[in-house]
Amino acid sequence: MLNLFSIVIGVVALLLGIVPFLPFFAWGYWFVIPIAIVGAAVGALSSRNGGRNLNLILILIFGLRLMLGGGLI
């Protein structure tokens, strides 16, 4: 059940992360990354790894995009 909840949180973070992917909106990742962190924490409590892995990949991609845009040093 926690894995499913983590996947839902990850999908929400993914959908919210589409808009900041556009130029000049990368600052929006500062609001999306904490959602993915919560999803990864919930996924870590689960016995399965799917939800946790989804959220960790989202954190990695969104953080990389922030670094490329200069929003994260």
PDB file of N, CA and C in Angstrom:
ATOM      1  N   MET A   1       0.818  -1.192   0.000  1.00  0.00           N
ATOM      2  CA  MET A   1       0.000   0.000   0.000  1.00  0.00           C
ATOM      3  C   MET A   1       0.865   1.259   0.000  1.00  0.00           C
ATOM      4  N   LEU A   2       1.935   1.249   0.779  1.00  0.00           N
ATOM      5  CA  LEU A   2       2.825   2.408   0.799  1.00  0.00           C
ATOM      6  C   LEU A   2       3.530   2.591  -0.537  1.00  0.00           C
ATOM      7  N   ASN A   3       3.822   1.485  -1.224  1.00  0.00           N
ATOM      8  CA  ASN A   3       4.460   1.578  -2.531  1.00  0.00           C
ATOM      9  C   ASN A   3       3.524   2.258  -3.529  1.00  0.00           C
ATOM     10  N   LEU A   4       2.257   1.904  -3.510  1.00  0.00           N
ATOM     11  CA  LEU A   4       1.278   2.526  -4.396  1.00  0.00           C
ATOM     12  C   LEU A   4       1.139   4.011  -4.087  1.00  0.00           C
ATOM     13  N   PHE A   5       1.105   4.363  -2.816  1.00  0.00           N
ATOM     14  CA  PHE A   5       1.019   5.766  -2.409  1.00  0.00           C
ATOM     15  C   PHE A   5       2.257   6.530  -2.863  1.00  0.00           C
ATOM     16  N   SER A   6       3.415   5.903  -2.786  1.00  0.00           N
ATOM     17  CA  SER A   6       4.654   6.525  -3.239  1.00  0.00           C
ATOM     18  C   SER A   6       4.647   6.733  -4.750  1.00  0.00           C
ATOM     19  N   ILE A   7       4.117   5.781  -5.489  1.00  0.00           N
ATOM     20  CA  ILE A   7       4.017   5.927  -6.945  1.00  0.00           C
ATOM     21  C   ILE A   7       3.064   7.063  -7.303  1.00  0.00           C
ATOM     22  N   VAL A   8       1.959   7.180  -6.586  1.00  0.00           N
ATOM     23  CA  VAL A   8       1.019   8.281  -6.834  1.00  0.00           C
ATOM     24  C   VAL A   8       1.697   9.621  -6.575  1.00  0.00           C
ATOM     25  N   ILE A   9       2.445   9.721  -5.490  1.00  0.00           N
ATOM     26  CA  ILE A   9       3.175  10.955  -5.199  1.00  0.00           C
ATOM     27  C   ILE A   9       4.192  11.236  -6.304  1.00  0.00           C
ATOM     28  N   GLY A  10       4.858  10.201  -6.789  1.00  0.00           N
ATOM     29  CA  GLY A  10       5.824  10.366  -7.870  1.00  0.00           C
ATOM     30  C   GLY A  10       5.182  10.833  -9.162  1.00  0.00           C
ATOM     31  N   VAL A  11       4.018  10.308  -9.485  1.00  0.00           N
ATOM     32  CA  VAL A  11       3.315  10.730 -10.699  1.00  0.00           C
ATOM     33  C   VAL A  11       2.872  12.187 -10.570  1.00  0.00           C
ATOM     34  N   VAL A  12       2.410  12.578  -9.388  1.00  0.00           N
ATOM     35  CA  VAL A  12       2.043  13.979  -9.159  1.00  0.00           C
ATOM     36  C   VAL A  12       3.265  14.878  -9.328  1.00  0.00           C
ATOM     37  N   ALA A  13       4.400  14.470  -8.768  1.00  0.00           N
ATOM     38  CA  ALA A  13       5.631  15.252  -8.918  1.00  0.00           C
ATOM     39  C   ALA A  13       6.055  15.315 -10.381  1.00  0.00           C
ATOM     40  N   LEU A  14       5.880  14.217 -11.105  1.00  0.00           N
ATOM     41  CA  LEU A  14       6.231  14.200 -12.526  1.00  0.00           C
ATOM     42  C   LEU A  14       5.349  15.159 -13.313  1.00  0.00           C
ATOM     43  N   LEU A  15       4.054  15.146 -13.050  1.00  0.00           N
ATOM     44  CA  LEU A  15       3.147  16.047 -13.754  1.00  0.00           C
ATOM     45  C   LEU A  15       3.431  17.505 -13.410  1.00  0.00           C
ATOM     46  N   LEU A  16       3.733  17.777 -12.141  1.00  0.00           N
ATOM     47  CA  LEU A  16       4.076  19.145 -11.751  1.00  0.00           C
ATOM     48  C   LEU A  16       5.437  19.561 -12.290  1.00  0.00           C
ATOM     49  N   GLY A  17       6.291  18.600 -12.603  1.00  0.00           N
ATOM     50  CA  GLY A  17       7.629  18.895 -13.104  1.00  0.00           C
ATOM     51  C   GLY A  17       7.693  19.129 -14.597  1.00  0.00           C
ATOM     52  N   ILE A  18       6.573  19.011 -15.288  1.00  0.00           N
ATOM     53  CA  ILE A  18       6.574  19.245 -16.734  1.00  0.00           C
ATOM     54  C   ILE A  18       6.700  20.733 -17.040  1.00  0.00           C
ATOM     55  N   VAL A  19       5.963  21.575 -16.336  1.00  0.00           N
ATOM     56  CA  VAL A  19       5.995  23.019 -16.594  1.00  0.00           C
ATOM     57  C   VAL A  19       7.368  23.624 -16.314  1.00  0.00           C
ATOM     58  N   PRO A  20       8.026  23.322 -15.198  1.00  0.00           N
ATOM     59  CA  PRO A  20       9.354  23.911 -14.973  1.00  0.00           C
ATOM     60  C   PRO A  20      10.415  23.435 -15.950  1.00  0.00           C
ATOM     61  N   PHE A  21      10.119  22.447 -16.769  1.00  0.00           N
ATOM     62  CA  PHE A  21      11.090  21.991 -17.756  1.00  0.00           C
ATOM     63  C   PHE A  21      11.279  23.022 -18.862  1.00  0.00           C
ATOM     64  N   LEU A  22      10.299  23.907 -19.018  1.00  0.00           N
ATOM     65  CA  LEU A  22      10.400  24.981 -20.005  1.00  0.00           C
ATOM     66  C   LEU A  22      11.401  26.032 -19.533  1.00  0.00           C
ATOM     67  N   PRO A  23      12.023  26.754 -20.467  1.00  0.00           N
ATOM     68  CA  PRO A  23      12.970  27.801 -20.062  1.00  0.00           C
ATOM     69  C   PRO A  23      12.287  28.867 -19.198  1.00  0.00           C
ATOM     70  N   PHE A  24      13.030  29.440 -18.293  1.00  0.00           N
ATOM     71  CA  PHE A  24      12.611  30.513 -17.382  1.00  0.00           C
ATOM     72  C   PHE A  24      11.648  30.053 -16.289  1.00  0.00           C
ATOM     73  N   PHE A  25      11.298  28.790 -16.247  1.00  0.00           N
ATOM     74  CA  PHE A  25      10.418  28.282 -15.201  1.00  0.00           C
ATOM     75  C   PHE A  25      11.102  27.238 -14.332  1.00  0.00           C
ATOM     76  N   ALA A  26      12.415  27.116 -14.452  1.00  0.00           N
ATOM     77  CA  ALA A  26      13.140  26.083 -13.710  1.00  0.00           C
ATOM     78  C   ALA A  26      13.084  26.307 -12.206  1.00  0.00           C
ATOM     79  N   TRP A  27      12.800  27.527 -11.771  1.00  0.00           N
ATOM     80  CA  TRP A  27      12.675  27.783 -10.335  1.00  0.00           C
ATOM     81  C   TRP A  27      11.528  26.972  -9.730  1.00  0.00           C
ATOM     82  N   GLY A  28      10.615  26.498 -10.564  1.00  0.00           N
ATOM     83  CA  GLY A  28       9.503  25.686 -10.077  1.00  0.00           C
ATOM     84  C   GLY A  28       9.939  24.348  -9.504  1.00  0.00           C
ATOM     85  N   TYR A  29      11.152  23.908  -9.876  1.00  0.00           N
ATOM     86  CA  TYR A  29      11.658  22.651  -9.324  1.00  0.00           C
ATOM     87  C   TYR A  29      11.905  22.745  -7.826  1.00  0.00           C
ATOM     88  N   TRP A  30      12.096  23.959  -7.313  1.00  0.00           N
ATOM     89  CA  TRP A  30      12.265  24.118  -5.868  1.00  0.00           C
ATOM     90  C   TRP A  30      10.995  23.711  -5.125  1.00  0.00           C
ATOM     91  N   PHE A  31       9.857  23.748  -5.794  1.00  0.00           N
ATOM     92  CA  PHE A  31       8.597  23.326  -5.182  1.00  0.00           C
ATOM     93  C   PHE A  31       8.278  21.865  -5.474  1.00  0.00           C
ATOM     94  N   VAL A  32       8.838  21.325  -6.556  1.00  0.00           N
ATOM     95  CA  VAL A  32       8.524  19.955  -6.966  1.00  0.00           C
ATOM     96  C   VAL A  32       9.455  18.938  -6.295  1.00  0.00           C
ATOM     97  N   ILE A  33      10.711  19.291  -6.105  1.00  0.00           N
ATOM     98  CA  ILE A  33      11.671  18.355  -5.512  1.00  0.00           C
ATOM     99  C   ILE A  33      11.257  17.921  -4.098  1.00  0.00           C
ATOM    100  N   PRO A  34      10.773  18.820  -3.229  1.00  0.00           N
ATOM    101  CA  PRO A  34      10.328  18.331  -1.907  1.00  0.00           C
ATOM    102  C   PRO A  34       9.176  17.326  -1.977  1.00  0.00           C
ATOM    103  N   ILE A  35       8.311  17.452  -2.978  1.00  0.00           N
ATOM    104  CA  ILE A  35       7.233  16.472  -3.141  1.00  0.00           C
ATOM    105  C   ILE A  35       7.824  15.107  -3.470  1.00  0.00           C
ATOM    106  N   ALA A  36       8.827  15.091  -4.351  1.00  0.00           N
ATOM    107  CA  ALA A  36       9.479  13.825  -4.700  1.00  0.00           C
ATOM    108  C   ALA A  36      10.259  13.256  -3.511  1.00  0.00           C
ATOM    109  N   ILE A  37      10.803  14.124  -2.665  1.00  0.00           N
ATOM    110  CA  ILE A  37      11.510  13.652  -1.467  1.00  0.00           C
ATOM    111  C   ILE A  37      10.532  12.958  -0.520  1.00  0.00           C
ATOM    112  N   VAL A  38       9.347  13.533  -0.365  1.00  0.00           N
ATOM    113  CA  VAL A  38       8.321  12.894   0.472  1.00  0.00           C
ATOM    114  C   VAL A  38       7.927  11.543  -0.124  1.00  0.00           C
ATOM    115  N   GLY A  39       7.786  11.487  -1.444  1.00  0.00           N
ATOM    116  CA  GLY A  39       7.465  10.221  -2.103  1.00  0.00           C
ATOM    117  C   GLY A  39       8.551   9.181  -1.907  1.00  0.00           C
ATOM    118  N   ALA A  40       9.816   9.613  -1.959  1.00  0.00           N
ATOM    119  CA  ALA A  40      10.922   8.676  -1.736  1.00  0.00           C
ATOM    120  C   ALA A  40      10.930   8.182  -0.293  1.00  0.00           C
ATOM    121  N   ALA A  41      10.591   9.058   0.639  1.00  0.00           N
ATOM    122  CA  ALA A  41      10.543   8.649   2.045  1.00  0.00           C
ATOM    123  C   ALA A  41       9.424   7.638   2.281  1.00  0.00           C
ATOM    124  N   VAL A  42       8.277   7.869   1.674  1.00  0.00           N
ATOM    125  CA  VAL A  42       7.169   6.920   1.804  1.00  0.00           C
ATOM    126  C   VAL A  42       7.536   5.600   1.129  1.00  0.00           C
ATOM    127  N   GLY A  43       8.202   5.682  -0.018  1.00  0.00           N
ATOM    128  CA  GLY A  43       8.630   4.475  -0.720  1.00  0.00           C
ATOM    129  C   GLY A  43       9.675   3.692   0.046  1.00  0.00           C
ATOM    130  N   ALA A  44      10.490   4.386   0.833  1.00  0.00           N
ATOM    131  CA  ALA A  44      11.498   3.697   1.637  1.00  0.00           C
ATOM    132  C   ALA A  44      10.852   2.883   2.755  1.00  0.00           C
ATOM    133  N   LEU A  45       9.665   3.271   3.180  1.00  0.00           N
ATOM    134  CA  LEU A  45       8.955   2.531   4.220  1.00  0.00           C
ATOM    135  C   LEU A  45       8.276   1.278   3.671  1.00  0.00           C
ATOM    136  N   SER A  46       8.148   1.200   2.350  1.00  0.00           N
ATOM    137  CA  SER A  46       7.485   0.064   1.717  1.00  0.00           C
ATOM    138  C   SER A  46       8.446  -1.113   1.569  1.00  0.00           C
ATOM    139  N   SER A  47       7.877  -2.293   1.418  1.00  0.00           N
ATOM    140  CA  SER A  47       8.713  -3.480   1.214  1.00  0.00           C
ATOM    141  C   SER A  47       9.163  -3.614  -0.237  1.00  0.00           C
ATOM    142  N   ARG A  48       8.531  -2.889  -1.141  1.00  0.00           N
ATOM    143  CA  ARG A  48       8.916  -2.913  -2.558  1.00  0.00           C
ATOM    144  C   ARG A  48       9.707  -1.656  -2.896  1.00  0.00           C
ATOM    145  N   ASN A  49      10.371  -1.668  -4.047  1.00  0.00           N
ATOM    146  CA  ASN A  49      11.280  -0.583  -4.388  1.00  0.00           C
ATOM    147  C   ASN A  49      10.795   0.311  -5.521  1.00  0.00           C
ATOM    148  N   GLY A  50       9.700  -0.004  -6.163  1.00  0.00           N
ATOM    149  CA  GLY A  50       9.273   0.731  -7.348  1.00  0.00           C
ATOM    150  C   GLY A  50       8.994   2.201  -7.099  1.00  0.00           C
ATOM    151  N   GLY A  51       8.219   2.507  -6.080  1.00  0.00           N
ATOM    152  CA  GLY A  51       7.879   3.895  -5.781  1.00  0.00           C
ATOM    153  C   GLY A  51       9.083   4.702  -5.348  1.00  0.00           C
ATOM    154  N   ARG A  52       9.920   4.092  -4.531  1.00  0.00           N
ATOM    155  CA  ARG A  52      11.137   4.775  -4.088  1.00  0.00           C
ATOM    156  C   ARG A  52      12.049   5.076  -5.264  1.00  0.00           C
ATOM    157  N   ASN A  53      12.224   4.093  -6.149  1.00  0.00           N
ATOM    158  CA  ASN A  53      13.100   4.288  -7.302  1.00  0.00           C
ATOM    159  C   ASN A  53      12.562   5.361  -8.240  1.00  0.00           C
ATOM    160  N   LEU A  54      11.252   5.388  -8.458  1.00  0.00           N
ATOM    161  CA  LEU A  54      10.651   6.419  -9.301  1.00  0.00           C
ATOM    162  C   LEU A  54      10.953   7.804  -8.752  1.00  0.00           C
ATOM    163  N   ASN A  55      10.754   7.983  -7.461  1.00  0.00           N
ATOM    164  CA  ASN A  55      10.978   9.292  -6.858  1.00  0.00           C
ATOM    165  C   ASN A  55      12.455   9.665  -6.836  1.00  0.00           C
ATOM    166  N   LEU A  56      13.333   8.699  -6.631  1.00  0.00           N
ATOM    167  CA  LEU A  56      14.764   9.004  -6.662  1.00  0.00           C
ATOM    168  C   LEU A  56      15.209   9.420  -8.059  1.00  0.00           C
ATOM    169  N   ILE A  57      14.661   8.787  -9.084  1.00  0.00           N
ATOM    170  CA  ILE A  57      14.986   9.182 -10.457  1.00  0.00           C
ATOM    171  C   ILE A  57      14.467  10.591 -10.741  1.00  0.00           C
ATOM    172  N   LEU A  58      13.267  10.905 -10.260  1.00  0.00           N
ATOM    173  CA  LEU A  58      12.728  12.251 -10.450  1.00  0.00           C
ATOM    174  C   LEU A  58      13.582  13.292  -9.735  1.00  0.00           C
ATOM    175  N   ILE A  59      14.026  12.989  -8.518  1.00  0.00           N
ATOM    176  CA  ILE A  59      14.888  13.921  -7.788  1.00  0.00           C
ATOM    177  C   ILE A  59      16.180  14.146  -8.554  1.00  0.00           C
ATOM    178  N   LEU A  60      16.745  13.079  -9.094  1.00  0.00           N
ATOM    179  CA  LEU A  60      17.988  13.189  -9.859  1.00  0.00           C
ATOM    180  C   LEU A  60      17.796  14.045 -11.111  1.00  0.00           C
ATOM    181  N   ILE A  61      16.737  13.798 -11.867  1.00  0.00           N
ATOM    182  CA  ILE A  61      16.489  14.552 -13.101  1.00  0.00           C
ATOM    183  C   ILE A  61      16.191  16.016 -12.790  1.00  0.00           C
ATOM    184  N   PHE A  62      15.333  16.264 -11.811  1.00  0.00           N
ATOM    185  CA  PHE A  62      14.977  17.643 -11.482  1.00  0.00           C
ATOM    186  C   PHE A  62      16.172  18.396 -10.901  1.00  0.00           C
ATOM    187  N   GLY A  63      16.972  17.726 -10.085  1.00  0.00           N
ATOM    188  CA  GLY A  63      18.176  18.362  -9.542  1.00  0.00           C
ATOM    189  C   GLY A  63      19.195  18.666 -10.623  1.00  0.00           C
ATOM    190  N   LEU A  64      19.341  17.763 -11.586  1.00  0.00           N
ATOM    191  CA  LEU A  64      20.247  18.000 -12.708  1.00  0.00           C
ATOM    192  C   LEU A  64      19.781  19.197 -13.522  1.00  0.00           C
ATOM    193  N   ARG A  65      18.485  19.300 -13.737  1.00  0.00           N
ATOM    194  CA  ARG A  65      17.938  20.443 -14.482  1.00  0.00           C
ATOM    195  C   ARG A  65      18.177  21.742 -13.717  1.00  0.00           C
ATOM    196  N   LEU A  66      18.057  21.706 -12.405  1.00  0.00           N
ATOM    197  CA  LEU A  66      18.349  22.896 -11.602  1.00  0.00           C
ATOM    198  C   LEU A  66      19.817  23.282 -11.716  1.00  0.00           C
ATOM    199  N   MET A  67      20.712  22.302 -11.678  1.00  0.00           N
ATOM    200  CA  MET A  67      22.143  22.602 -11.799  1.00  0.00           C
ATOM    201  C   MET A  67      22.476  23.175 -13.169  1.00  0.00           C
ATOM    202  N   LEU A  68      21.877  22.642 -14.213  1.00  0.00           N
ATOM    203  CA  LEU A  68      22.143  23.156 -15.557  1.00  0.00           C
ATOM    204  C   LEU A  68      21.647  24.588 -15.719  1.00  0.00           C
ATOM    205  N   GLY A  69      20.565  24.926 -15.042  1.00  0.00           N
ATOM    206  CA  GLY A  69      20.020  26.277 -15.123  1.00  0.00           C
ATOM    207  C   GLY A  69      20.653  27.248 -14.156  1.00  0.00           C
ATOM    208  N   GLY A  70      21.546  26.782 -13.298  1.00  0.00           N
ATOM    209  CA  GLY A  70      22.205  27.661 -12.341  1.00  0.00           C
ATOM    210  C   GLY A  70      21.425  27.884 -11.063  1.00  0.00           C
ATOM    211  N   GLY A  71      20.356  27.131 -10.842  1.00  0.00           N
ATOM    212  CA  GLY A  71      19.549  27.315  -9.648  1.00  0.00           C
ATOM    213  C   GLY A  71      20.031  26.518  -8.455  1.00  0.00           C
ATOM    214  N   LEU A  72      20.987  25.623  -8.675  1.00  0.00           N
ATOM    215  CA  LEU A  72      21.533  24.797  -7.609  1.00  0.00           C
ATOM    216  C   LEU A  72      23.032  24.715  -7.820  1.00  0.00           C
ATOM    217  N   ILE A  73      23.765  25.084  -6.814  1.00  0.00           N
ATOM    218  CA  ILE A  73      25.230  25.120  -6.964  1.00  0.00           C
ATOM    219  C   ILE A  73      25.837  23.870  -6.372  1.00  0.00           C
TER     220      ILE A  73
END
